[in-house]
Amino acid sequence: MNERQIAELIFDKFRSSKCKAGEIVPMRVIRFSLIMNLNPKEKELFDIVFVGLQITGYFTYKKDSLECIVLTQKGYDYIYERNLVDKMQNTPWIIPACVNTDWNKAYNKLWRIIGPQEGALCYIKGSDFYNFILKYSDELPPSYGMYIDELRKKGRSTSRVDYYKDLIDGLLEKQRMYFYGDLQSWIEGKLVYSRAEIDFGVGRDLFEDKKSETESTLAEKDVTDKQVETSIVEEQHPIVFISYSWDNEQHEEWVLKLATHLQSKYGIRVILDKWEMKLGKLLPHFMEHAITDSQRVICVMTPNYKKKTEKLVGGVGVEYSIISAEIQKDIKTEKFIPLFRSGNLEDIPVFLSGRDFIDMRDDANYEEKTEELARDIWNEPKCKKPALGSKPKFT
């Protein structure tokens, strides 16, 4: 899977919700129905694409009361046009990773696309490239001709492959990322939207004042470095809610131990009532959001847990109503993980019956089973299906 295919998976979330400009897709939908199904390599690409689509203006990322992505007018104009989508699949992606960026690798890829006069997919001549860079800096001579003369006087190379790189390297790292975003928009404009003129509009909007690279300036932009970092970090950690009954103090301590290990040892964001509930907080409201906002829900099964689901007693009764409603909407959902803590098969609640479960009744196997559970949540099983080989040559 490449960057373009990842991008279309994100756009498909807007399409399936029939979103218009200004409408949202919650991040929990992206995490649970998209990211959880990607392999580690594809997740790395997702991080790059998720930031790149923000920089190029297809959607914005918001983290207020509801973390979500918001479709822009540009995104809306694109996602429902089949001919544009088909053209985009053959359009190169040049925006690099914004974390631990390999700028040399990024430039080599960029040069092949815009540099050689013969064979470049989107050739940009020297004066046009310089005028664009000039928008980001007031340290350069005011004209392309003066810049070339200055290079000659200093005995430096006037080869485009050299001074293009020097000009990019002269930008601050934050500016470079938006520079690549601007070039990405221009490449797409030329190859997808048939706009031949150089129009770096997105970058100008994001950097109204390219002479100042202060935090206060960046805070006013549509996509800030803080948002970029947050969007990546948030995507890397699955969110899990633990549903259990308060059987006794020993049982509550065991659940707390499990939650702590999943959170601290395995990097899983755990929603647990003991950590989240405050005096005066509405219990049903908390449970509803905890279940719907999580990618997975661990149901710790005991005989008492089943009794409370049957009689709709206490918090477990509320959770049962929400969980059973979600299962009725999608009977094949793999969101809910039955975890056997005590009891027998007849102690499995009706809404979880027939589903594969993890057996943690024997404390001697706690470490092994906890890792198995964490692997399942991260979608990193010990036994992985190998890639499909090529057809052999039969004799």
Protein backbone atom coordinates (compact mmCIF):
# COMPACT_ATOMS: atom_id res chain seq x y z
CA MET A 1 0.00 0.00 0.00
CA ASN A 2 1.36 3.45 -0.92
CA GLU A 3 0.64 7.01 0.25
CA ARG A 4 -2.14 7.56 -2.27
CA GLN A 5 -3.95 4.41 -1.25
CA ILE A 6 -3.70 5.39 2.43
CA ALA A 7 -5.07 8.83 1.55
CA GLU A 8 -8.09 7.31 -0.17
CA LEU A 9 -8.81 5.16 2.88
CA ILE A 10 -9.02 8.36 4.92
CA PHE A 11 -11.16 10.05 2.27
CA ASP A 12 -13.44 7.00 2.24
CA LYS A 13 -14.44 7.80 5.83
CA PHE A 14 -15.75 11.16 4.63
CA ARG A 15 -17.42 9.51 1.63
CA SER A 16 -19.17 6.82 3.67
CA SER A 17 -20.59 9.52 5.94
CA LYS A 18 -21.58 11.61 2.88
CA CYS A 19 -19.77 14.59 4.41
CA LYS A 20 -19.98 18.09 3.02
CA ALA A 21 -17.43 20.86 3.56
CA GLY A 22 -17.21 21.69 7.26
CA GLU A 23 -18.54 18.31 8.41
CA ILE A 24 -16.51 15.90 10.52
CA VAL A 25 -15.34 12.34 10.99
CA PRO A 26 -14.49 11.48 14.63
CA MET A 27 -10.93 10.28 15.20
CA ARG A 28 -12.22 7.19 17.00
CA VAL A 29 -13.69 6.09 13.65
CA ILE A 30 -10.33 6.57 11.95
CA ARG A 31 -8.50 4.68 14.68
CA PHE A 32 -10.85 1.73 15.03
CA SER A 33 -11.94 1.13 11.44
CA LEU A 34 -8.75 2.16 9.63
CA ILE A 35 -5.53 2.31 11.64
CA MET A 36 -6.20 -0.89 13.58
CA ASN A 37 -6.24 -2.80 10.27
CA LEU A 38 -2.88 -1.47 9.02
CA ASN A 39 0.43 -3.28 9.38
CA PRO A 40 3.39 -1.45 11.03
CA LYS A 41 4.79 -0.22 7.69
CA GLU A 42 1.40 1.08 6.62
CA LYS A 43 0.98 2.83 9.98
CA GLU A 44 4.21 4.74 9.30
CA LEU A 45 2.80 5.81 5.94
CA PHE A 46 -0.47 6.80 7.62
CA ASP A 47 1.36 9.25 9.88
CA ILE A 48 3.03 10.87 6.86
CA VAL A 49 -0.18 11.05 4.84
CA PHE A 50 -2.33 12.27 7.74
CA VAL A 51 -0.06 15.28 8.25
CA GLY A 52 0.42 15.83 4.51
CA LEU A 53 -3.30 16.01 3.78
CA GLN A 54 -3.62 18.69 6.44
CA ILE A 55 -0.72 20.71 5.05
CA THR A 56 -2.16 20.53 1.53
CA GLY A 57 -5.56 21.63 2.79
CA TYR A 58 -7.88 18.64 2.29
CA PHE A 59 -9.00 18.54 5.91
CA THR A 60 -8.15 20.08 9.26
CA TYR A 61 -7.51 18.33 12.56
CA LYS A 62 -9.38 19.46 15.68
CA LYS A 63 -9.00 18.33 19.26
CA ASP A 64 -11.63 20.09 21.31
CA SER A 65 -14.49 18.33 23.05
CA LEU A 66 -14.64 15.85 20.16
CA GLU A 67 -11.37 14.93 18.46
CA CYS A 68 -12.06 14.83 14.75
CA ILE A 69 -10.99 15.74 11.23
CA VAL A 70 -12.99 18.38 9.35
CA LEU A 71 -13.48 18.25 5.59
CA THR A 72 -12.46 21.49 3.84
CA GLN A 73 -13.96 22.89 0.64
CA LYS A 74 -10.89 21.63 -1.25
CA GLY A 75 -11.40 18.15 0.18
CA TYR A 76 -15.11 18.23 -0.64
CA ASP A 77 -14.44 19.29 -4.23
CA TYR A 78 -12.04 16.38 -4.63
CA ILE A 79 -13.49 13.30 -2.94
CA TYR A 80 -16.67 12.93 -4.99
CA GLU A 81 -15.05 13.46 -8.42
CA ARG A 82 -14.13 10.03 -9.74
CA ASN A 83 -11.98 11.39 -12.58
CA LEU A 84 -9.91 13.45 -10.13
CA VAL A 85 -9.44 10.45 -7.83
CA ASP A 86 -8.26 8.30 -10.75
CA LYS A 87 -5.73 10.95 -11.82
CA MET A 88 -4.48 11.39 -8.28
CA GLN A 89 -3.43 7.74 -8.03
CA ASN A 90 -0.64 8.38 -10.55
CA THR A 91 0.50 11.61 -8.87
CA PRO A 92 3.78 11.39 -6.90
CA TRP A 93 3.84 12.02 -3.17
CA ILE A 94 6.78 14.16 -2.03
CA ILE A 95 5.87 15.25 1.53
CA PRO A 96 8.30 13.53 3.94
CA ALA A 97 7.76 12.35 7.51
CA CYS A 98 7.63 15.29 9.90
CA VAL A 99 9.40 13.33 12.66
CA ASN A 100 13.06 12.29 12.24
CA THR A 101 12.94 13.62 8.69
CA ASP A 102 15.53 12.39 6.20
CA TRP A 103 15.87 15.63 4.22
CA ASN A 104 18.46 14.22 1.80
CA LYS A 105 16.12 11.40 0.85
CA ALA A 106 13.24 13.86 0.51
CA TYR A 107 15.28 16.10 -1.80
CA ASN A 108 16.48 13.23 -3.99
CA LYS A 109 12.87 12.20 -4.55
CA LEU A 110 11.82 15.80 -5.22
CA TRP A 111 14.63 16.41 -7.72
CA ARG A 112 13.63 13.43 -9.85
CA ILE A 113 10.16 14.91 -10.18
CA ILE A 114 10.88 18.62 -10.73
CA GLY A 115 14.57 18.84 -11.68
CA PRO A 116 15.81 17.19 -14.89
CA GLN A 117 14.87 19.11 -18.03
CA GLU A 118 14.48 15.83 -19.82
CA GLY A 119 12.17 13.35 -18.16
CA ALA A 120 11.02 15.34 -15.12
CA LEU A 121 7.32 14.80 -14.51
CA CYS A 122 6.80 18.38 -13.28
CA TYR A 123 9.84 20.39 -14.38
CA ILE A 124 10.32 23.75 -12.61
CA LYS A 125 12.85 26.16 -14.09
CA GLY A 126 15.36 27.94 -11.88
CA SER A 127 13.75 31.39 -11.77
CA ASP A 128 10.34 29.98 -10.80
CA PHE A 129 11.87 27.80 -8.09
CA TYR A 130 13.85 30.75 -6.72
CA ASN A 131 10.83 33.07 -6.66
CA PHE A 132 8.93 30.51 -4.66
CA ILE A 133 11.74 30.06 -2.13
CA LEU A 134 11.94 33.83 -1.88
CA LYS A 135 8.45 33.86 -0.35
CA TYR A 136 9.89 32.08 2.68
CA SER A 137 12.99 34.18 3.34
CA ASP A 138 14.21 37.77 3.42
CA GLU A 139 17.85 36.66 3.66
CA LEU A 140 18.16 36.05 -0.09
CA PRO A 141 18.91 38.58 -2.87
CA PRO A 142 15.66 40.09 -4.22
CA SER A 143 16.01 38.57 -7.70
CA TYR A 144 17.05 35.30 -9.30
CA GLY A 145 19.69 37.02 -11.44
CA MET A 146 21.34 38.62 -8.41
CA TYR A 147 21.37 35.27 -6.61
CA ILE A 148 23.13 33.51 -9.52
CA ASP A 149 25.67 36.35 -9.76
CA GLU A 150 26.33 35.98 -6.05
CA LEU A 151 26.93 32.24 -6.44
CA ARG A 152 29.44 32.87 -9.23
CA LYS A 153 31.31 35.51 -7.21
CA LYS A 154 31.63 33.08 -4.32
CA GLY A 155 32.76 30.28 -6.64
CA ARG A 156 29.78 28.12 -5.77
CA SER A 157 27.92 25.78 -8.09
CA THR A 158 25.20 27.26 -10.31
CA SER A 159 23.92 23.80 -11.22
CA ARG A 160 20.23 23.63 -10.39
CA VAL A 161 20.56 20.28 -8.60
CA ASP A 162 23.02 21.92 -6.20
CA TYR A 163 21.50 25.32 -5.55
CA TYR A 164 17.93 23.99 -5.31
CA LYS A 165 19.13 21.87 -2.39
CA ASP A 166 21.09 24.77 -0.87
CA LEU A 167 17.98 26.95 -1.01
CA ILE A 168 15.85 24.29 0.72
CA ASP A 169 18.51 23.59 3.34
CA GLY A 170 18.56 27.32 4.10
CA LEU A 171 14.98 27.16 5.37
CA LEU A 172 14.06 26.38 8.95
CA GLU A 173 12.83 22.82 9.35
CA LYS A 174 9.27 23.96 10.02
CA GLN A 175 9.32 26.00 6.81
CA ARG A 176 10.70 23.09 4.83
CA MET A 177 7.70 20.95 5.71
CA TYR A 178 5.28 23.56 4.41
CA PHE A 179 7.52 24.15 1.40
CA TYR A 180 7.12 20.49 0.47
CA GLY A 181 3.40 20.85 1.10
CA ASP A 182 3.25 23.78 -1.31
CA LEU A 183 5.12 21.86 -3.98
CA GLN A 184 2.81 18.88 -3.42
CA SER A 185 -0.18 21.13 -4.03
CA TRP A 186 1.39 22.51 -7.21
CA ILE A 187 2.20 19.04 -8.54
CA GLU A 188 -1.37 17.93 -7.88
CA GLY A 189 -2.66 21.11 -9.48
CA LYS A 190 -0.67 20.47 -12.64
CA LEU A 191 -1.28 16.73 -12.98
CA VAL A 192 -4.77 16.37 -11.52
CA TYR A 193 -6.53 19.71 -11.88
CA SER A 194 -4.78 20.73 -15.15
CA ARG A 195 -3.48 24.00 -13.73
CA ALA A 196 -0.25 24.74 -15.57
CA GLU A 197 0.66 27.96 -13.75
CA ILE A 198 2.67 27.90 -10.56
CA ASP A 199 0.30 28.71 -7.72
CA PHE A 200 1.57 27.95 -4.25
CA GLY A 201 -1.59 29.08 -2.51
CA VAL A 202 -1.73 26.63 0.39
CA GLY A 203 1.73 27.48 1.65
CA ARG A 204 1.03 31.21 1.49
CA ASP A 205 -2.07 30.75 3.62
CA LEU A 206 -0.16 28.72 6.19
CA PHE A 207 2.76 31.13 6.27
CA GLU A 208 1.36 34.62 5.92
CA ASP A 209 4.58 35.92 7.43
CA LYS A 210 7.41 33.70 6.25
CA LYS A 211 10.05 36.06 7.61
CA SER A 212 9.14 35.21 11.22
CA GLU A 213 9.14 31.65 12.50
CA THR A 214 7.93 32.20 16.05
CA GLU A 215 5.59 30.03 18.08
CA SER A 216 3.06 32.85 18.24
CA THR A 217 2.98 33.04 14.45
CA LEU A 218 2.57 29.29 14.08
CA ALA A 219 -0.27 29.25 16.62
CA GLU A 220 -2.38 31.27 14.17
CA LYS A 221 -1.95 28.79 11.30
CA ASP A 222 -4.38 26.07 10.31
CA VAL A 223 -1.80 23.35 10.97
CA THR A 224 0.66 23.91 13.82
CA ASP A 225 3.62 21.78 14.81
CA LYS A 226 1.83 20.98 18.07
CA GLN A 227 -1.14 19.65 16.09
CA VAL A 228 1.20 17.66 13.87
CA GLU A 229 2.92 16.04 16.85
CA THR A 230 -0.39 15.36 18.61
CA SER A 231 -2.01 13.80 15.56
CA ILE A 232 0.88 11.38 15.19
CA VAL A 233 1.24 10.47 18.87
CA GLU A 234 -2.49 9.94 19.31
CA GLU A 235 -2.63 7.56 16.35
CA GLN A 236 0.02 5.25 17.77
CA HIS A 237 -1.82 4.18 20.93
CA PRO A 238 -5.08 2.19 20.83
CA ILE A 239 -7.79 3.12 23.33
CA VAL A 240 -9.40 0.35 25.40
CA PHE A 241 -12.22 0.41 27.95
CA ILE A 242 -12.46 -2.28 30.66
CA SER A 243 -15.96 -3.37 31.63
CA TYR A 244 -16.12 -5.38 34.87
CA SER A 245 -18.25 -5.95 37.97
CA TRP A 246 -17.21 -4.91 41.46
CA ASP A 247 -17.32 -8.48 42.83
CA ASN A 248 -14.93 -7.96 45.74
CA GLU A 249 -11.79 -6.06 46.69
CA GLN A 250 -9.49 -8.79 45.37
CA HIS A 251 -11.19 -8.79 41.98
CA GLU A 252 -11.05 -4.98 41.73
CA GLU A 253 -7.33 -5.05 42.52
CA TRP A 254 -6.77 -7.64 39.78
CA VAL A 255 -8.57 -5.48 37.20
CA LEU A 256 -6.54 -2.45 38.31
CA LYS A 257 -3.33 -4.48 37.92
CA LEU A 258 -4.33 -5.52 34.38
CA ALA A 259 -5.22 -1.96 33.40
CA THR A 260 -1.92 -0.66 34.79
CA HIS A 261 0.12 -3.22 32.86
CA LEU A 262 -1.71 -2.57 29.58
CA GLN A 263 -1.22 1.18 30.01
CA SER A 264 2.36 1.38 31.31
CA LYS A 265 4.00 -1.74 29.86
CA TYR A 266 2.19 -2.15 26.54
CA GLY A 267 1.40 1.46 25.60
CA ILE A 268 -2.38 1.00 25.45
CA ARG A 269 -4.57 3.90 26.56
CA VAL A 270 -6.90 2.33 29.13
CA ILE A 271 -10.18 3.89 30.23
CA LEU A 272 -10.95 2.62 33.73
CA ASP A 273 -13.67 3.91 36.03
CA LYS A 274 -11.29 4.13 39.00
CA TRP A 275 -9.09 6.50 37.02
CA GLU A 276 -11.70 8.53 35.19
CA MET A 277 -14.73 8.92 37.47
CA LYS A 278 -15.05 12.02 39.65
CA LEU A 279 -17.68 12.94 42.22
CA GLY A 280 -20.72 14.41 40.52
CA LYS A 281 -19.91 12.87 37.11
CA LEU A 282 -22.83 11.19 35.33
CA LEU A 283 -22.15 7.45 35.33
CA PRO A 284 -24.27 6.53 32.22
CA HIS A 285 -22.72 9.42 30.26
CA PHE A 286 -19.21 8.27 31.17
CA MET A 287 -19.92 4.66 30.22
CA GLU A 288 -21.53 5.54 26.90
CA HIS A 289 -18.58 7.68 25.81
CA ALA A 290 -16.03 5.22 27.18
CA ILE A 291 -17.48 2.39 25.08
CA THR A 292 -18.16 4.35 21.89
CA ASP A 293 -14.81 6.21 21.96
CA SER A 294 -12.71 3.06 22.47
CA GLN A 295 -11.39 0.86 19.69
CA ARG A 296 -11.73 -2.24 21.88
CA VAL A 297 -13.69 -3.11 25.03
CA ILE A 298 -12.46 -5.80 27.42
CA CYS A 299 -15.35 -7.52 29.20
CA VAL A 300 -14.02 -9.23 32.34
CA MET A 301 -16.36 -12.18 32.76
CA THR A 302 -17.28 -13.65 36.16
CA PRO A 303 -20.50 -15.30 37.39
CA ASN A 304 -21.49 -12.01 39.04
CA TYR A 305 -20.78 -10.07 35.83
CA LYS A 306 -23.28 -12.27 33.97
CA LYS A 307 -25.94 -11.88 36.70
CA LYS A 308 -25.69 -8.10 36.49
CA THR A 309 -26.04 -8.16 32.69
CA GLU A 310 -29.17 -10.30 32.98
CA LYS A 311 -30.79 -8.11 35.64
CA LEU A 312 -29.39 -4.82 34.24
CA VAL A 313 -27.98 -4.01 37.67
CA GLY A 314 -25.50 -1.19 38.36
CA GLY A 315 -22.80 0.02 35.99
CA VAL A 316 -22.49 -3.38 34.31
CA GLY A 317 -26.20 -3.24 33.47
CA VAL A 318 -25.74 0.16 31.79
CA GLU A 319 -22.68 -1.09 29.90
CA TYR A 320 -24.55 -4.21 28.79
CA SER A 321 -27.30 -2.10 27.22
CA ILE A 322 -24.75 -0.03 25.26
CA ILE A 323 -22.61 -3.01 24.24
CA SER A 324 -25.56 -5.16 23.14
CA ALA A 325 -26.90 -2.25 21.06
CA GLU A 326 -23.55 -1.95 19.25
CA ILE A 327 -23.40 -5.71 18.63
CA GLN A 328 -26.94 -5.69 17.22
CA LYS A 329 -25.84 -3.02 14.72
CA ASP A 330 -22.85 -5.13 13.65
CA ILE A 331 -23.00 -8.76 14.72
CA LYS A 332 -19.55 -9.42 13.20
CA THR A 333 -17.81 -6.70 15.20
CA GLU A 334 -14.52 -7.66 16.84
CA LYS A 335 -14.56 -4.66 19.16
CA PHE A 336 -15.56 -6.56 22.29
CA ILE A 337 -13.04 -8.93 23.89
CA PRO A 338 -14.45 -11.55 26.32
CA LEU A 339 -11.92 -12.14 29.12
CA PHE A 340 -12.60 -15.14 31.36
CA ARG A 341 -11.55 -14.32 34.94
CA SER A 342 -13.65 -16.86 36.86
CA GLY A 343 -16.54 -19.26 36.39
CA ASN A 344 -17.43 -21.68 33.60
CA LEU A 345 -18.77 -21.51 30.05
CA GLU A 346 -22.33 -21.06 31.32
CA ASP A 347 -21.18 -17.80 32.94
CA ILE A 348 -20.60 -16.14 29.57
CA PRO A 349 -23.17 -13.34 29.02
CA VAL A 350 -25.55 -13.91 26.12
CA PHE A 351 -24.22 -10.99 24.07
CA LEU A 352 -20.68 -12.45 24.21
CA SER A 353 -21.53 -16.10 23.62
CA GLY A 354 -19.96 -17.73 20.58
CA ARG A 355 -17.06 -15.28 20.50
CA ASP A 356 -13.43 -16.26 20.93
CA PHE A 357 -12.26 -15.36 24.42
CA ILE A 358 -9.02 -15.11 26.36
CA ASP A 359 -8.82 -17.33 29.43
CA MET A 360 -7.13 -15.60 32.38
CA ARG A 361 -8.52 -17.75 35.18
CA ASP A 362 -5.08 -19.18 36.01
CA ASP A 363 -2.81 -16.54 37.59
CA ALA A 364 0.21 -18.69 36.75
CA ASN A 365 -0.29 -17.68 33.10
CA TYR A 366 -0.91 -13.99 33.82
CA GLU A 367 2.16 -12.56 32.07
CA GLU A 368 1.77 -14.75 28.99
CA LYS A 369 -1.94 -14.04 28.67
CA THR A 370 -1.51 -10.29 29.23
CA GLU A 371 0.99 -10.17 26.37
CA GLU A 372 -1.41 -12.18 24.19
CA LEU A 373 -4.15 -9.67 24.98
CA ALA A 374 -1.90 -6.69 24.23
CA ARG A 375 -0.78 -8.24 20.94
CA ASP A 376 -4.39 -8.68 19.87
CA ILE A 377 -5.20 -5.06 20.72
CA TRP A 378 -2.14 -3.83 18.79
CA ASN A 379 -2.91 -6.26 15.95
CA GLU A 380 0.57 -7.78 16.35
CA PRO A 381 -0.02 -11.54 16.67
CA LYS A 382 2.89 -13.89 17.33
CA CYS A 383 1.79 -16.12 14.48
CA LYS A 384 1.56 -13.94 11.37
CA LYS A 385 0.17 -15.00 8.02
CA PRO A 386 3.00 -14.92 5.46
CA ALA A 387 2.84 -12.88 2.28
CA LEU A 388 1.41 -14.67 -0.74
CA GLY A 389 4.17 -16.06 -2.92
CA SER A 390 4.37 -16.06 -6.70
CA LYS A 391 2.96 -18.85 -8.79
CA PRO A 392 5.67 -21.53 -9.19
CA LYS A 393 6.81 -22.81 -12.55
CA PHE A 394 5.37 -26.29 -12.78
CA THR A 395 7.12 -28.82 -14.98
